[in-house]
PDB file of N, CA and C in Angstrom:
ATOM      1  N   MET A   1      10.667   8.101 -22.683  1.00  0.00           N
ATOM      2  CA  MET A   1      10.005   8.873 -23.509  1.00  0.00           C
ATOM      3  C   MET A   1      10.744  10.671 -23.218  1.00  0.00           C
ATOM      4  N   ILE A   2      11.267  11.098 -23.954  1.00  0.00           N
ATOM      5  CA  ILE A   2      11.140  12.496 -23.767  1.00  0.00           C
ATOM      6  C   ILE A   2      10.469  12.996 -23.596  1.00  0.00           C
ATOM      7  N   GLY A   3      10.173  14.384 -22.956  1.00  0.00           N
ATOM      8  CA  GLY A   3       8.958  14.875 -22.470  1.00  0.00           C
ATOM      9  C   GLY A   3       7.599  14.333 -21.508  1.00  0.00           C
ATOM     10  N   LYS A   4       7.895  12.901 -21.575  1.00  0.00           N
ATOM     11  CA  LYS A   4       6.922  12.677 -20.970  1.00  0.00           C
ATOM     12  C   LYS A   4       7.448  12.456 -19.050  1.00  0.00           C
ATOM     13  N   LEU A   5       6.588  13.352 -18.225  1.00  0.00           N
ATOM     14  CA  LEU A   5       6.845  12.803 -16.499  1.00  0.00           C
ATOM     15  C   LEU A   5       6.490  11.779 -16.421  1.00  0.00           C
ATOM     16  N   HIS A   6       6.810  10.777 -15.251  1.00  0.00           N
ATOM     17  CA  HIS A   6       6.473   9.782 -14.617  1.00  0.00           C
ATOM     18  C   HIS A   6       5.850  10.394 -13.359  1.00  0.00           C
ATOM     19  N   THR A   7       4.528   9.220 -13.118  1.00  0.00           N
ATOM     20  CA  THR A   7       4.444   9.518 -11.778  1.00  0.00           C
ATOM     21  C   THR A   7       3.541   8.446 -11.290  1.00  0.00           C
ATOM     22  N   VAL A   8       4.044   8.113  -9.890  1.00  0.00           N
ATOM     23  CA  VAL A   8       2.994   7.151  -9.123  1.00  0.00           C
ATOM     24  C   VAL A   8       2.638   7.763  -7.530  1.00  0.00           C
ATOM     25  N   ALA A   9       1.205   7.274  -7.689  1.00  0.00           N
ATOM     26  CA  ALA A   9       0.266   8.667  -6.798  1.00  0.00           C
ATOM     27  C   ALA A   9      -0.016   7.503  -5.448  1.00  0.00           C
ATOM     28  N   ILE A  10       0.173   7.582  -4.608  1.00  0.00           N
ATOM     29  CA  ILE A  10      -0.469   6.768  -3.828  1.00  0.00           C
ATOM     30  C   ILE A  10      -1.676   7.500  -2.741  1.00  0.00           C
ATOM     31  N   ALA A  11      -2.470   6.395  -2.656  1.00  0.00           N
ATOM     32  CA  ALA A  11      -4.088   6.810  -2.077  1.00  0.00           C
ATOM     33  C   ALA A  11      -3.558   5.964  -0.768  1.00  0.00           C
ATOM     34  N   PHE A  12      -4.133   6.613   0.235  1.00  0.00           N
ATOM     35  CA  PHE A  12      -4.374   5.634   1.731  1.00  0.00           C
ATOM     36  C   PHE A  12      -5.988   5.577   1.729  1.00  0.00           C
ATOM     37  N   ALA A  13      -6.374   4.527   1.782  1.00  0.00           N
ATOM     38  CA  ALA A  13      -7.856   4.706   1.822  1.00  0.00           C
ATOM     39  C   ALA A  13      -7.470   3.802   3.545  1.00  0.00           C
ATOM     40  N   LEU A  14      -7.960   4.561   4.223  1.00  0.00           N
ATOM     41  CA  LEU A  14      -8.123   4.430   5.570  1.00  0.00           C
ATOM     42  C   LEU A  14      -9.354   3.662   6.033  1.00  0.00           C
ATOM     43  N   SER A  15     -10.683   3.200   5.047  1.00  0.00           N
ATOM     44  CA  SER A  15     -11.481   2.484   5.696  1.00  0.00           C
ATOM     45  C   SER A  15     -11.608   1.307   5.889  1.00  0.00           C
ATOM     46  N   MET A  16     -11.710   1.197   7.180  1.00  0.00           N
ATOM     47  CA  MET A  16     -10.955  -0.705   7.021  1.00  0.00           C
ATOM     48  C   MET A  16     -12.565  -1.814   6.682  1.00  0.00           C
ATOM     49  N   THR A  17     -13.089  -1.122   5.905  1.00  0.00           N
ATOM     50  CA  THR A  17     -14.489  -2.310   5.474  1.00  0.00           C
ATOM     51  C   THR A  17     -13.793  -3.037   3.966  1.00  0.00           C
ATOM     52  N   GLY A  18     -14.371  -4.253   4.480  1.00  0.00           N
ATOM     53  CA  GLY A  18     -14.274  -4.619   3.420  1.00  0.00           C
ATOM     54  C   GLY A  18     -12.874  -5.888   3.519  1.00  0.00           C
ATOM     55  N   LEU A  19     -12.272  -5.852   4.518  1.00  0.00           N
ATOM     56  CA  LEU A  19     -11.169  -6.571   4.925  1.00  0.00           C
ATOM     57  C   LEU A  19     -11.290  -7.973   5.715  1.00  0.00           C
ATOM     58  N   THR A  20     -11.216  -8.656   6.064  1.00  0.00           N
ATOM     59  CA  THR A  20     -11.723  -9.682   7.074  1.00  0.00           C
ATOM     60  C   THR A  20     -10.023  -9.701   7.996  1.00  0.00           C
ATOM     61  N   ALA A  21     -10.272  -9.293   9.870  1.00  0.00           N
ATOM     62  CA  ALA A  21      -9.415 -10.014  10.410  1.00  0.00           C
ATOM     63  C   ALA A  21      -9.644 -11.244  11.504  1.00  0.00           C
ATOM     64  N   THR A  22      -7.874 -12.494  11.678  1.00  0.00           N
ATOM     65  CA  THR A  22      -8.457 -13.359  12.469  1.00  0.00           C
ATOM     66  C   THR A  22      -8.863 -12.847  14.294  1.00  0.00           C
ATOM     67  N   ALA A  23      -9.131 -13.524  14.852  1.00  0.00           N
ATOM     68  CA  ALA A  23      -9.842 -13.277  15.881  1.00  0.00           C
ATOM     69  C   ALA A  23      -8.657 -13.093  16.766  1.00  0.00           C
ATOM     70  N   ALA A  24      -7.282 -12.699  16.557  1.00  0.00           N
ATOM     71  CA  ALA A  24      -6.137 -12.528  17.546  1.00  0.00           C
ATOM     72  C   ALA A  24      -6.037 -11.004  16.651  1.00  0.00           C
ATOM     73  N   GLU A  25      -6.822 -10.897  15.913  1.00  0.00           N
ATOM     74  CA  GLU A  25      -6.563  -9.207  15.631  1.00  0.00           C
ATOM     75  C   GLU A  25      -8.228  -7.984  15.239  1.00  0.00           C
ATOM     76  N   THR A  26      -7.849  -7.432  15.359  1.00  0.00           N
ATOM     77  CA  THR A  26      -8.475  -6.444  15.167  1.00  0.00           C
ATOM     78  C   THR A  26      -8.164  -5.327  14.377  1.00  0.00           C
ATOM     79  N   THR A  27      -9.370  -3.801  13.468  1.00  0.00           N
ATOM     80  CA  THR A  27      -9.033  -3.198  12.799  1.00  0.00           C
ATOM     81  C   THR A  27      -7.982  -2.383  12.953  1.00  0.00           C
ATOM     82  N   ALA A  28      -7.331  -1.875  12.348  1.00  0.00           N
ATOM     83  CA  ALA A  28      -6.549  -0.732  13.021  1.00  0.00           C
ATOM     84  C   ALA A  28      -7.022   0.693  12.605  1.00  0.00           C
ATOM     85  N   SER A  29      -6.775   1.395  13.291  1.00  0.00           N
ATOM     86  CA  SER A  29      -6.671   2.710  13.320  1.00  0.00           C
ATOM     87  C   SER A  29      -5.752   3.638  12.787  1.00  0.00           C
ATOM     88  N   ALA A  30      -5.218   3.636  11.240  1.00  0.00           N
ATOM     89  CA  ALA A  30      -4.177   3.826  10.876  1.00  0.00           C
ATOM     90  C   ALA A  30      -4.025   5.558  10.494  1.00  0.00           C
ATOM     91  N   ASN A  31      -3.078   6.088  10.857  1.00  0.00           N
ATOM     92  CA  ASN A  31      -2.755   6.880  10.106  1.00  0.00           C
ATOM     93  C   ASN A  31      -1.521   6.814  10.006  1.00  0.00           C
ATOM     94  N   THR A  32      -1.466   7.046   8.322  1.00  0.00           N
ATOM     95  CA  THR A  32      -0.244   7.222   7.766  1.00  0.00           C
ATOM     96  C   THR A  32       1.070   7.955   8.102  1.00  0.00           C
ATOM     97  N   LEU A  33       1.946   7.605   8.038  1.00  0.00           N
ATOM     98  CA  LEU A  33       3.419   8.578   8.535  1.00  0.00           C
ATOM     99  C   LEU A  33       3.655   9.202   7.339  1.00  0.00           C
ATOM    100  N   GLU A  34       4.415   8.020   6.834  1.00  0.00           N
ATOM    101  CA  GLU A  34       5.017   7.730   5.232  1.00  0.00           C
ATOM    102  C   GLU A  34       5.071   6.288   4.584  1.00  0.00           C
ATOM    103  N   CYS A  35       5.348   6.325   3.343  1.00  0.00           N
ATOM    104  CA  CYS A  35       5.074   5.536   2.592  1.00  0.00           C
ATOM    105  C   CYS A  35       6.453   5.374   1.591  1.00  0.00           C
ATOM    106  N   GLY A  36       6.553   4.110   0.789  1.00  0.00           N
ATOM    107  CA  GLY A  36       7.382   4.325   0.202  1.00  0.00           C
ATOM    108  C   GLY A  36       6.721   4.557  -1.561  1.00  0.00           C
ATOM    109  N   VAL A  37       7.440   5.120  -2.201  1.00  0.00           N
ATOM    110  CA  VAL A  37       6.904   5.808  -3.407  1.00  0.00           C
ATOM    111  C   VAL A  37       8.210   4.560  -4.046  1.00  0.00           C
ATOM    112  N   PRO A  38       7.271   4.074  -5.451  1.00  0.00           N
ATOM    113  CA  PRO A  38       8.084   2.716  -6.210  1.00  0.00           C
ATOM    114  C   PRO A  38       8.480   3.799  -7.399  1.00  0.00           C
ATOM    115  N   ASP A  39       9.901   2.766  -7.613  1.00  0.00           N
ATOM    116  CA  ASP A  39      10.476   3.428  -9.288  1.00  0.00           C
ATOM    117  C   ASP A  39       9.678   2.735 -10.442  1.00  0.00           C
ATOM    118  N   TYR A  40       9.453   4.068 -11.558  1.00  0.00           N
ATOM    119  CA  TYR A  40       8.671   3.918 -12.072  1.00  0.00           C
ATOM    120  C   TYR A  40       9.571   3.782 -13.778  1.00  0.00           C
ATOM    121  N   PRO A  41      10.162   2.338 -14.199  1.00  0.00           N
ATOM    122  CA  PRO A  41      11.164   2.884 -15.029  1.00  0.00           C
ATOM    123  C   PRO A  41      10.429   2.888 -16.268  1.00  0.00           C
ATOM    124  N   THR A  42      12.113   3.516 -17.062  1.00  0.00           N
ATOM    125  CA  THR A  42      10.797   3.965 -18.605  1.00  0.00           C
ATOM    126  C   THR A  42      10.770   2.776 -19.338  1.00  0.00           C
ATOM    127  N   ALA A  43      11.388   1.478 -18.732  1.00  0.00           N
ATOM    128  CA  ALA A  43      10.622   0.282 -19.700  1.00  0.00           C
ATOM    129  C   ALA A  43       9.597  -0.064 -19.758  1.00  0.00           C
ATOM    130  N   TRP A  44       8.830   0.548 -18.709  1.00  0.00           N
ATOM    131  CA  TRP A  44       7.364   0.111 -18.249  1.00  0.00           C
ATOM    132  C   TRP A  44       6.895   0.884 -18.408  1.00  0.00           C
ATOM    133  N   LEU A  45       6.751   2.323 -18.812  1.00  0.00           N
ATOM    134  CA  LEU A  45       6.377   3.283 -19.938  1.00  0.00           C
ATOM    135  C   LEU A  45       5.859   2.813 -21.110  1.00  0.00           C
ATOM    136  N   ASP A  46       7.381   2.587 -22.018  1.00  0.00           N
ATOM    137  CA  ASP A  46       7.652   2.334 -22.828  1.00  0.00           C
ATOM    138  C   ASP A  46       6.787   0.715 -23.305  1.00  0.00           C
ATOM    139  N   ASP A  47       6.189   0.016 -21.992  1.00  0.00           N
ATOM    140  CA  ASP A  47       5.350  -1.253 -22.591  1.00  0.00           C
ATOM    141  C   ASP A  47       3.928  -0.433 -22.348  1.00  0.00           C
ATOM    142  N   GLY A  48       3.657   0.710 -21.726  1.00  0.00           N
ATOM    143  CA  GLY A  48       2.196   0.929 -21.954  1.00  0.00           C
ATOM    144  C   GLY A  48       1.510  -0.291 -20.252  1.00  0.00           C
ATOM    145  N   LEU A  49       3.056  -0.221 -19.611  1.00  0.00           N
ATOM    146  CA  LEU A  49       2.118  -0.147 -18.157  1.00  0.00           C
ATOM    147  C   LEU A  49       1.515   0.808 -16.930  1.00  0.00           C
ATOM    148  N   GLU A  50       0.186   0.731 -16.777  1.00  0.00           N
ATOM    149  CA  GLU A  50      -0.170   1.532 -15.870  1.00  0.00           C
ATOM    150  C   GLU A  50      -1.739   1.048 -15.184  1.00  0.00           C
ATOM    151  N   GLY A  51      -1.888   1.075 -14.053  1.00  0.00           N
ATOM    152  CA  GLY A  51      -2.656   0.795 -13.270  1.00  0.00           C
ATOM    153  C   GLY A  51      -2.942   1.154 -11.600  1.00  0.00           C
ATOM    154  N   THR A  52      -3.677   0.995 -11.476  1.00  0.00           N
ATOM    155  CA  THR A  52      -4.044   0.772 -10.015  1.00  0.00           C
ATOM    156  C   THR A  52      -3.909  -0.312  -9.568  1.00  0.00           C
ATOM    157  N   VAL A  53      -3.082  -0.637  -8.299  1.00  0.00           N
ATOM    158  CA  VAL A  53      -2.721  -1.469  -6.954  1.00  0.00           C
ATOM    159  C   VAL A  53      -3.278  -1.395  -5.860  1.00  0.00           C
ATOM    160  N   ARG A  54      -4.058  -2.273  -5.416  1.00  0.00           N
ATOM    161  CA  ARG A  54      -4.703  -1.423  -3.463  1.00  0.00           C
ATOM    162  C   ARG A  54      -4.134  -3.266  -3.262  1.00  0.00           C
ATOM    163  N   LEU A  55      -3.560  -2.900  -1.996  1.00  0.00           N
ATOM    164  CA  LEU A  55      -3.291  -3.789  -1.333  1.00  0.00           C
ATOM    165  C   LEU A  55      -3.533  -3.187  -0.185  1.00  0.00           C
ATOM    166  N   ALA A  56      -3.598  -4.539   0.403  1.00  0.00           N
ATOM    167  CA  ALA A  56      -3.827  -5.151   1.819  1.00  0.00           C
ATOM    168  C   ALA A  56      -3.070  -4.818   2.599  1.00  0.00           C
ATOM    169  N   VAL A  57      -2.624  -4.395   3.449  1.00  0.00           N
ATOM    170  CA  VAL A  57      -1.648  -3.990   4.234  1.00  0.00           C
ATOM    171  C   VAL A  57      -1.805  -3.739   6.392  1.00  0.00           C
ATOM    172  N   LEU A  58      -1.417  -5.273   7.063  1.00  0.00           N
ATOM    173  CA  LEU A  58      -1.377  -5.602   8.304  1.00  0.00           C
ATOM    174  C   LEU A  58      -0.334  -4.796   9.163  1.00  0.00           C
ATOM    175  N   VAL A  59      -0.610  -3.850  10.055  1.00  0.00           N
ATOM    176  CA  VAL A  59      -0.057  -2.730  10.692  1.00  0.00           C
ATOM    177  C   VAL A  59       0.420  -3.396  12.211  1.00  0.00           C
ATOM    178  N   ASN A  60       0.860  -3.210  12.673  1.00  0.00           N
ATOM    179  CA  ASN A  60       1.123  -3.850  13.909  1.00  0.00           C
ATOM    180  C   ASN A  60       1.070  -2.755  15.279  1.00  0.00           C
ATOM    181  N   ALA A  61       0.758  -2.395  15.956  1.00  0.00           N
ATOM    182  CA  ALA A  61       0.500  -1.466  16.935  1.00  0.00           C
ATOM    183  C   ALA A  61       1.242  -0.367  17.407  1.00  0.00           C
ATOM    184  N   ASP A  62       2.906  -0.914  16.575  1.00  0.00           N
ATOM    185  CA  ASP A  62       3.937  -0.237  16.970  1.00  0.00           C
ATOM    186  C   ASP A  62       3.850   1.328  15.420  1.00  0.00           C
ATOM    187  N   GLY A  63       2.783   0.113  14.610  1.00  0.00           N
ATOM    188  CA  GLY A  63       3.070   1.081  12.931  1.00  0.00           C
ATOM    189  C   GLY A  63       3.575   0.770  12.051  1.00  0.00           C
ATOM    190  N   SER A  64       4.667  -0.356  12.643  1.00  0.00           N
ATOM    191  CA  SER A  64       5.614  -0.805  11.493  1.00  0.00           C
ATOM    192  C   SER A  64       4.027  -1.738  10.742  1.00  0.00           C
ATOM    193  N   VAL A  65       4.697  -1.845   9.464  1.00  0.00           N
ATOM    194  CA  VAL A  65       3.797  -3.098   8.688  1.00  0.00           C
ATOM    195  C   VAL A  65       4.398  -4.640   8.750  1.00  0.00           C
ATOM    196  N   LYS A  66       3.156  -5.568   9.282  1.00  0.00           N
ATOM    197  CA  LYS A  66       3.778  -6.932   9.559  1.00  0.00           C
ATOM    198  C   LYS A  66       3.481  -7.972   7.705  1.00  0.00           C
ATOM    199  N   ASP A  67       2.135  -7.398   6.900  1.00  0.00           N
ATOM    200  CA  ASP A  67       2.261  -8.136   6.145  1.00  0.00           C
ATOM    201  C   ASP A  67       1.773  -6.685   4.904  1.00  0.00           C
ATOM    202  N   ALA A  68       1.891  -7.484   3.683  1.00  0.00           N
ATOM    203  CA  ALA A  68       1.470  -6.414   2.600  1.00  0.00           C
ATOM    204  C   ALA A  68       0.628  -7.769   1.263  1.00  0.00           C
ATOM    205  N   LYS A  69       0.107  -7.943   0.675  1.00  0.00           N
ATOM    206  CA  LYS A  69      -0.280  -8.533  -0.168  1.00  0.00           C
ATOM    207  C   LYS A  69      -1.324  -7.942  -1.494  1.00  0.00           C
ATOM    208  N   VAL A  70      -1.764  -7.866  -2.165  1.00  0.00           N
ATOM    209  CA  VAL A  70      -2.545  -7.702  -3.225  1.00  0.00           C
ATOM    210  C   VAL A  70      -3.934  -8.042  -3.233  1.00  0.00           C
ATOM    211  N   VAL A  71      -4.448  -7.198  -2.868  1.00  0.00           N
ATOM    212  CA  VAL A  71      -6.107  -7.181  -3.139  1.00  0.00           C
ATOM    213  C   VAL A  71      -7.026  -7.087  -4.040  1.00  0.00           C
ATOM    214  N   ARG A  72      -6.098  -6.174  -4.993  1.00  0.00           N
ATOM    215  CA  ARG A  72      -6.218  -5.540  -6.662  1.00  0.00           C
ATOM    216  C   ARG A  72      -5.289  -5.423  -7.057  1.00  0.00           C
ATOM    217  N   SER A  73      -4.960  -6.383  -8.148  1.00  0.00           N
ATOM    218  CA  SER A  73      -4.351  -6.597  -8.901  1.00  0.00           C
ATOM    219  C   SER A  73      -4.011  -5.468 -10.669  1.00  0.00           C
ATOM    220  N   SER A  74      -3.219  -4.517 -10.727  1.00  0.00           N
ATOM    221  CA  SER A  74      -3.044  -3.496 -12.017  1.00  0.00           C
ATOM    222  C   SER A  74      -3.050  -4.380 -13.061  1.00  0.00           C
ATOM    223  N   GLY A  75      -2.590  -5.638 -13.265  1.00  0.00           N
ATOM    224  CA  GLY A  75      -3.398  -6.119 -14.411  1.00  0.00           C
ATOM    225  C   GLY A  75      -2.069  -6.581 -14.444  1.00  0.00           C
ATOM    226  N   TYR A  76      -0.667  -6.131 -14.195  1.00  0.00           N
ATOM    227  CA  TYR A  76       0.763  -6.177 -14.484  1.00  0.00           C
ATOM    228  C   TYR A  76       1.590  -6.438 -13.473  1.00  0.00           C
ATOM    229  N   ARG A  77       1.690  -8.122 -13.224  1.00  0.00           N
ATOM    230  CA  ARG A  77       3.076  -8.709 -12.345  1.00  0.00           C
ATOM    231  C   ARG A  77       4.244  -7.438 -11.723  1.00  0.00           C
ATOM    232  N   GLU A  78       4.811  -6.458 -12.755  1.00  0.00           N
ATOM    233  CA  GLU A  78       5.677  -5.535 -12.604  1.00  0.00           C
ATOM    234  C   GLU A  78       5.145  -5.118 -11.397  1.00  0.00           C
ATOM    235  N   LEU A  79       4.119  -3.804 -11.956  1.00  0.00           N
ATOM    236  CA  LEU A  79       3.545  -2.962 -10.963  1.00  0.00           C
ATOM    237  C   LEU A  79       3.119  -3.468  -9.349  1.00  0.00           C
ATOM    238  N   ASP A  80       2.297  -4.904  -9.591  1.00  0.00           N
ATOM    239  CA  ASP A  80       1.778  -5.525  -8.453  1.00  0.00           C
ATOM    240  C   ASP A  80       3.021  -5.435  -7.524  1.00  0.00           C
ATOM    241  N   LYS A  81       4.424  -6.291  -7.697  1.00  0.00           N
ATOM    242  CA  LYS A  81       5.128  -6.166  -7.210  1.00  0.00           C
ATOM    243  C   LYS A  81       6.019  -5.121  -6.512  1.00  0.00           C
ATOM    244  N   ALA A  82       5.935  -4.280  -7.407  1.00  0.00           N
ATOM    245  CA  ALA A  82       6.679  -2.787  -6.866  1.00  0.00           C
ATOM    246  C   ALA A  82       5.957  -2.183  -5.714  1.00  0.00           C
ATOM    247  N   SER A  83       4.410  -2.213  -5.988  1.00  0.00           N
ATOM    248  CA  SER A  83       3.521  -1.989  -4.884  1.00  0.00           C
ATOM    249  C   SER A  83       3.739  -2.537  -3.607  1.00  0.00           C
ATOM    250  N   ARG A  84       3.852  -4.029  -3.367  1.00  0.00           N
ATOM    251  CA  ARG A  84       4.071  -4.710  -2.550  1.00  0.00           C
ATOM    252  C   ARG A  84       4.869  -4.393  -1.949  1.00  0.00           C
ATOM    253  N   ARG A  85       5.974  -4.139  -2.706  1.00  0.00           N
ATOM    254  CA  ARG A  85       7.820  -4.023  -1.424  1.00  0.00           C
ATOM    255  C   ARG A  85       7.221  -2.876  -1.211  1.00  0.00           C
ATOM    256  N   ALA A  86       6.863  -1.526  -1.578  1.00  0.00           N
ATOM    257  CA  ALA A  86       6.772  -0.067  -1.373  1.00  0.00           C
ATOM    258  C   ALA A  86       5.793   0.017  -0.149  1.00  0.00           C
ATOM    259  N   GLY A  87       4.642  -0.714  -0.566  1.00  0.00           N
ATOM    260  CA  GLY A  87       4.163  -0.354   1.018  1.00  0.00           C
ATOM    261  C   GLY A  87       4.305  -1.484   1.775  1.00  0.00           C
ATOM    262  N   ALA A  88       4.836  -2.001   1.481  1.00  0.00           N
ATOM    263  CA  ALA A  88       6.033  -3.305   2.732  1.00  0.00           C
ATOM    264  C   ALA A  88       6.489  -2.332   3.763  1.00  0.00           C
ATOM    265  N   SER A  89       6.750  -1.121   3.420  1.00  0.00           N
ATOM    266  CA  SER A  89       7.752  -0.395   4.084  1.00  0.00           C
ATOM    267  C   SER A  89       7.030   1.115   4.564  1.00  0.00           C
ATOM    268  N   CYS A  90       5.358   0.801   4.533  1.00  0.00           N
ATOM    269  CA  CYS A  90       4.749   1.843   5.480  1.00  0.00           C
ATOM    270  C   CYS A  90       4.810   1.867   6.763  1.00  0.00           C
ATOM    271  N   LYS A  91       5.042   3.000   6.853  1.00  0.00           N
ATOM    272  CA  LYS A  91       5.026   3.711   8.296  1.00  0.00           C
ATOM    273  C   LYS A  91       3.565   4.058   8.981  1.00  0.00           C
ATOM    274  N   PHE A  92       2.925   3.719  10.193  1.00  0.00           N
ATOM    275  CA  PHE A  92       1.776   4.281  10.337  1.00  0.00           C
ATOM    276  C   PHE A  92       2.354   4.816  11.981  1.00  0.00           C
ATOM    277  N   ALA A  93       1.205   5.292  12.188  1.00  0.00           N
ATOM    278  CA  ALA A  93       1.130   5.813  13.664  1.00  0.00           C
ATOM    279  C   ALA A  93       0.676   5.168  14.611  1.00  0.00           C
ATOM    280  N   ALA A  94       1.733   4.925  15.401  1.00  0.00           N
ATOM    281  CA  ALA A  94       1.548   3.787  16.509  1.00  0.00           C
ATOM    282  C   ALA A  94      -0.316   3.913  17.149  1.00  0.00           C
ATOM    283  N   ASN A  95      -0.442   2.779  17.282  1.00  0.00           N
ATOM    284  CA  ASN A  95      -2.038   3.035  17.572  1.00  0.00           C
ATOM    285  C   ASN A  95      -1.996   1.702  18.787  1.00  0.00           C
ATOM    286  N   PRO A  96      -2.005   2.416  19.554  1.00  0.00           N
ATOM    287  CA  PRO A  96      -1.983   1.451  21.580  1.00  0.00           C
ATOM    288  C   PRO A  96      -3.608   2.130  21.733  1.00  0.00           C
ATOM    289  N   LYS A  97      -4.282   0.196  22.351  1.00  0.00           N
ATOM    290  CA  LYS A  97      -5.624   0.494  22.410  1.00  0.00           C
ATOM    291  C   LYS A  97      -6.083   0.400  23.991  1.00  0.00           C
ATOM    292  N   ALA A  98      -6.194   1.126  24.170  1.00  0.00           N
ATOM    293  CA  ALA A  98      -6.337   1.137  26.275  1.00  0.00           C
ATOM    294  C   ALA A  98      -4.800  -0.063  26.382  1.00  0.00           C
ATOM    295  N   GLY A  99      -3.590   0.331  25.935  1.00  0.00           N
ATOM    296  CA  GLY A  99      -2.452  -0.358  26.336  1.00  0.00           C
ATOM    297  C   GLY A  99      -2.439  -1.300  26.024  1.00  0.00           C
ATOM    298  N   ASN A 100      -3.365  -2.599  25.284  1.00  0.00           N
ATOM    299  CA  ASN A 100      -3.160  -3.612  24.345  1.00  0.00           C
ATOM    300  C   ASN A 100      -2.515  -3.809  23.138  1.00  0.00           C
ATOM    301  N   SER A 101      -1.767  -4.872  22.631  1.00  0.00           N
ATOM    302  CA  SER A 101      -1.276  -4.430  21.048  1.00  0.00           C
ATOM    303  C   SER A 101      -2.453  -4.606  20.745  1.00  0.00           C
ATOM    304  N   VAL A 102      -2.421  -3.913  19.386  1.00  0.00           N
ATOM    305  CA  VAL A 102      -3.583  -4.388  18.272  1.00  0.00           C
ATOM    306  C   VAL A 102      -3.101  -3.893  17.128  1.00  0.00           C
ATOM    307  N   THR A 103      -3.417  -5.022  16.227  1.00  0.00           N
ATOM    308  CA  THR A 103      -2.855  -5.201  15.014  1.00  0.00           C
ATOM    309  C   THR A 103      -3.776  -5.292  14.119  1.00  0.00           C
ATOM    310  N   GLY A 104      -3.752  -4.437  13.298  1.00  0.00           N
ATOM    311  CA  GLY A 104      -5.326  -4.641  12.842  1.00  0.00           C
ATOM    312  C   GLY A 104      -5.022  -4.449  10.632  1.00  0.00           C
ATOM    313  N   TRP A 105      -6.288  -4.732   9.687  1.00  0.00           N
ATOM    314  CA  TRP A 105      -5.453  -4.292   8.395  1.00  0.00           C
ATOM    315  C   TRP A 105      -6.221  -2.547   7.797  1.00  0.00           C
ATOM    316  N   THR A 106      -5.630  -2.606   7.034  1.00  0.00           N
ATOM    317  CA  THR A 106      -6.295  -1.367   6.346  1.00  0.00           C
ATOM    318  C   THR A 106      -5.385  -1.271   4.593  1.00  0.00           C
ATOM    319  N   THR A 107      -5.559  -0.375   3.944  1.00  0.00           N
ATOM    320  CA  THR A 107      -5.520  -0.479   2.390  1.00  0.00           C
ATOM    321  C   THR A 107      -4.438   0.910   2.213  1.00  0.00           C
ATOM    322  N   VAL A 108      -3.755   0.507   1.243  1.00  0.00           N
ATOM    323  CA  VAL A 108      -3.042   1.309   0.683  1.00  0.00           C
ATOM    324  C   VAL A 108      -3.498   0.896  -0.832  1.00  0.00           C
ATOM    325  N   GLN A 109      -3.548   2.188  -1.780  1.00  0.00           N
ATOM    326  CA  GLN A 109      -3.520   2.130  -2.374  1.00  0.00           C
ATOM    327  C   GLN A 109      -2.383   2.688  -3.904  1.00  0.00           C
ATOM    328  N   TYR A 110      -1.556   1.978  -4.828  1.00  0.00           N
ATOM    329  CA  TYR A 110      -0.439   2.654  -5.628  1.00  0.00           C
ATOM    330  C   TYR A 110      -1.264   2.925  -7.466  1.00  0.00           C
ATOM    331  N   LYS A 111      -1.485   4.251  -7.915  1.00  0.00           N
ATOM    332  CA  LYS A 111      -1.752   4.494  -8.904  1.00  0.00           C
ATOM    333  C   LYS A 111      -0.769   4.542 -10.091  1.00  0.00           C
ATOM    334  N   TRP A 112      -0.604   4.119 -11.019  1.00  0.00           N
ATOM    335  CA  TRP A 112       1.019   4.300 -11.900  1.00  0.00           C
ATOM    336  C   TRP A 112      -0.173   4.672 -13.132  1.00  0.00           C
ATOM    337  N   VAL A 113       0.333   6.106 -13.318  1.00  0.00           N
ATOM    338  CA  VAL A 113      -0.126   6.857 -14.370  1.00  0.00           C
ATOM    339  C   VAL A 113       1.011   7.527 -15.043  1.00  0.00           C
ATOM    340  N   ALA A 114       1.303   7.037 -16.649  1.00  0.00           N
ATOM    341  CA  ALA A 114       2.391   8.116 -17.289  1.00  0.00           C
ATOM    342  C   ALA A 114       1.479   9.328 -17.645  1.00  0.00           C
ATOM    343  N   GLN A 115       2.219  10.573 -17.380  1.00  0.00           N
ATOM    344  CA  GLN A 115       1.852  12.049 -17.681  1.00  0.00           C
ATOM    345  C   GLN A 115       2.282  12.235 -19.129  1.00  0.00           C
TER     346      GLN A 115
END
């Protein structure tokens, strides 16, 4: 669509509540350094695809992402998949806790808006 701005906003919800961790994992103290911004193809806009995707992201002690999964869907498979790929590319500040490797969950949210 001509004259229409395409945006994907990224919100980082760094409160570690609501997500469970296994006994070997603790909650990550996540300082986001960068996250990928997914492409927003014109075809998706033409089809009216908008929504918010919330991801659970498992962050290693070195700040890399070990896993990312959708915990709240936008209702569109395409947006969910693109958000998951982008979330898996996030980089977080390293989180050494008393010299131990600490892996934990945090959330990343992608909001798909056609403006």
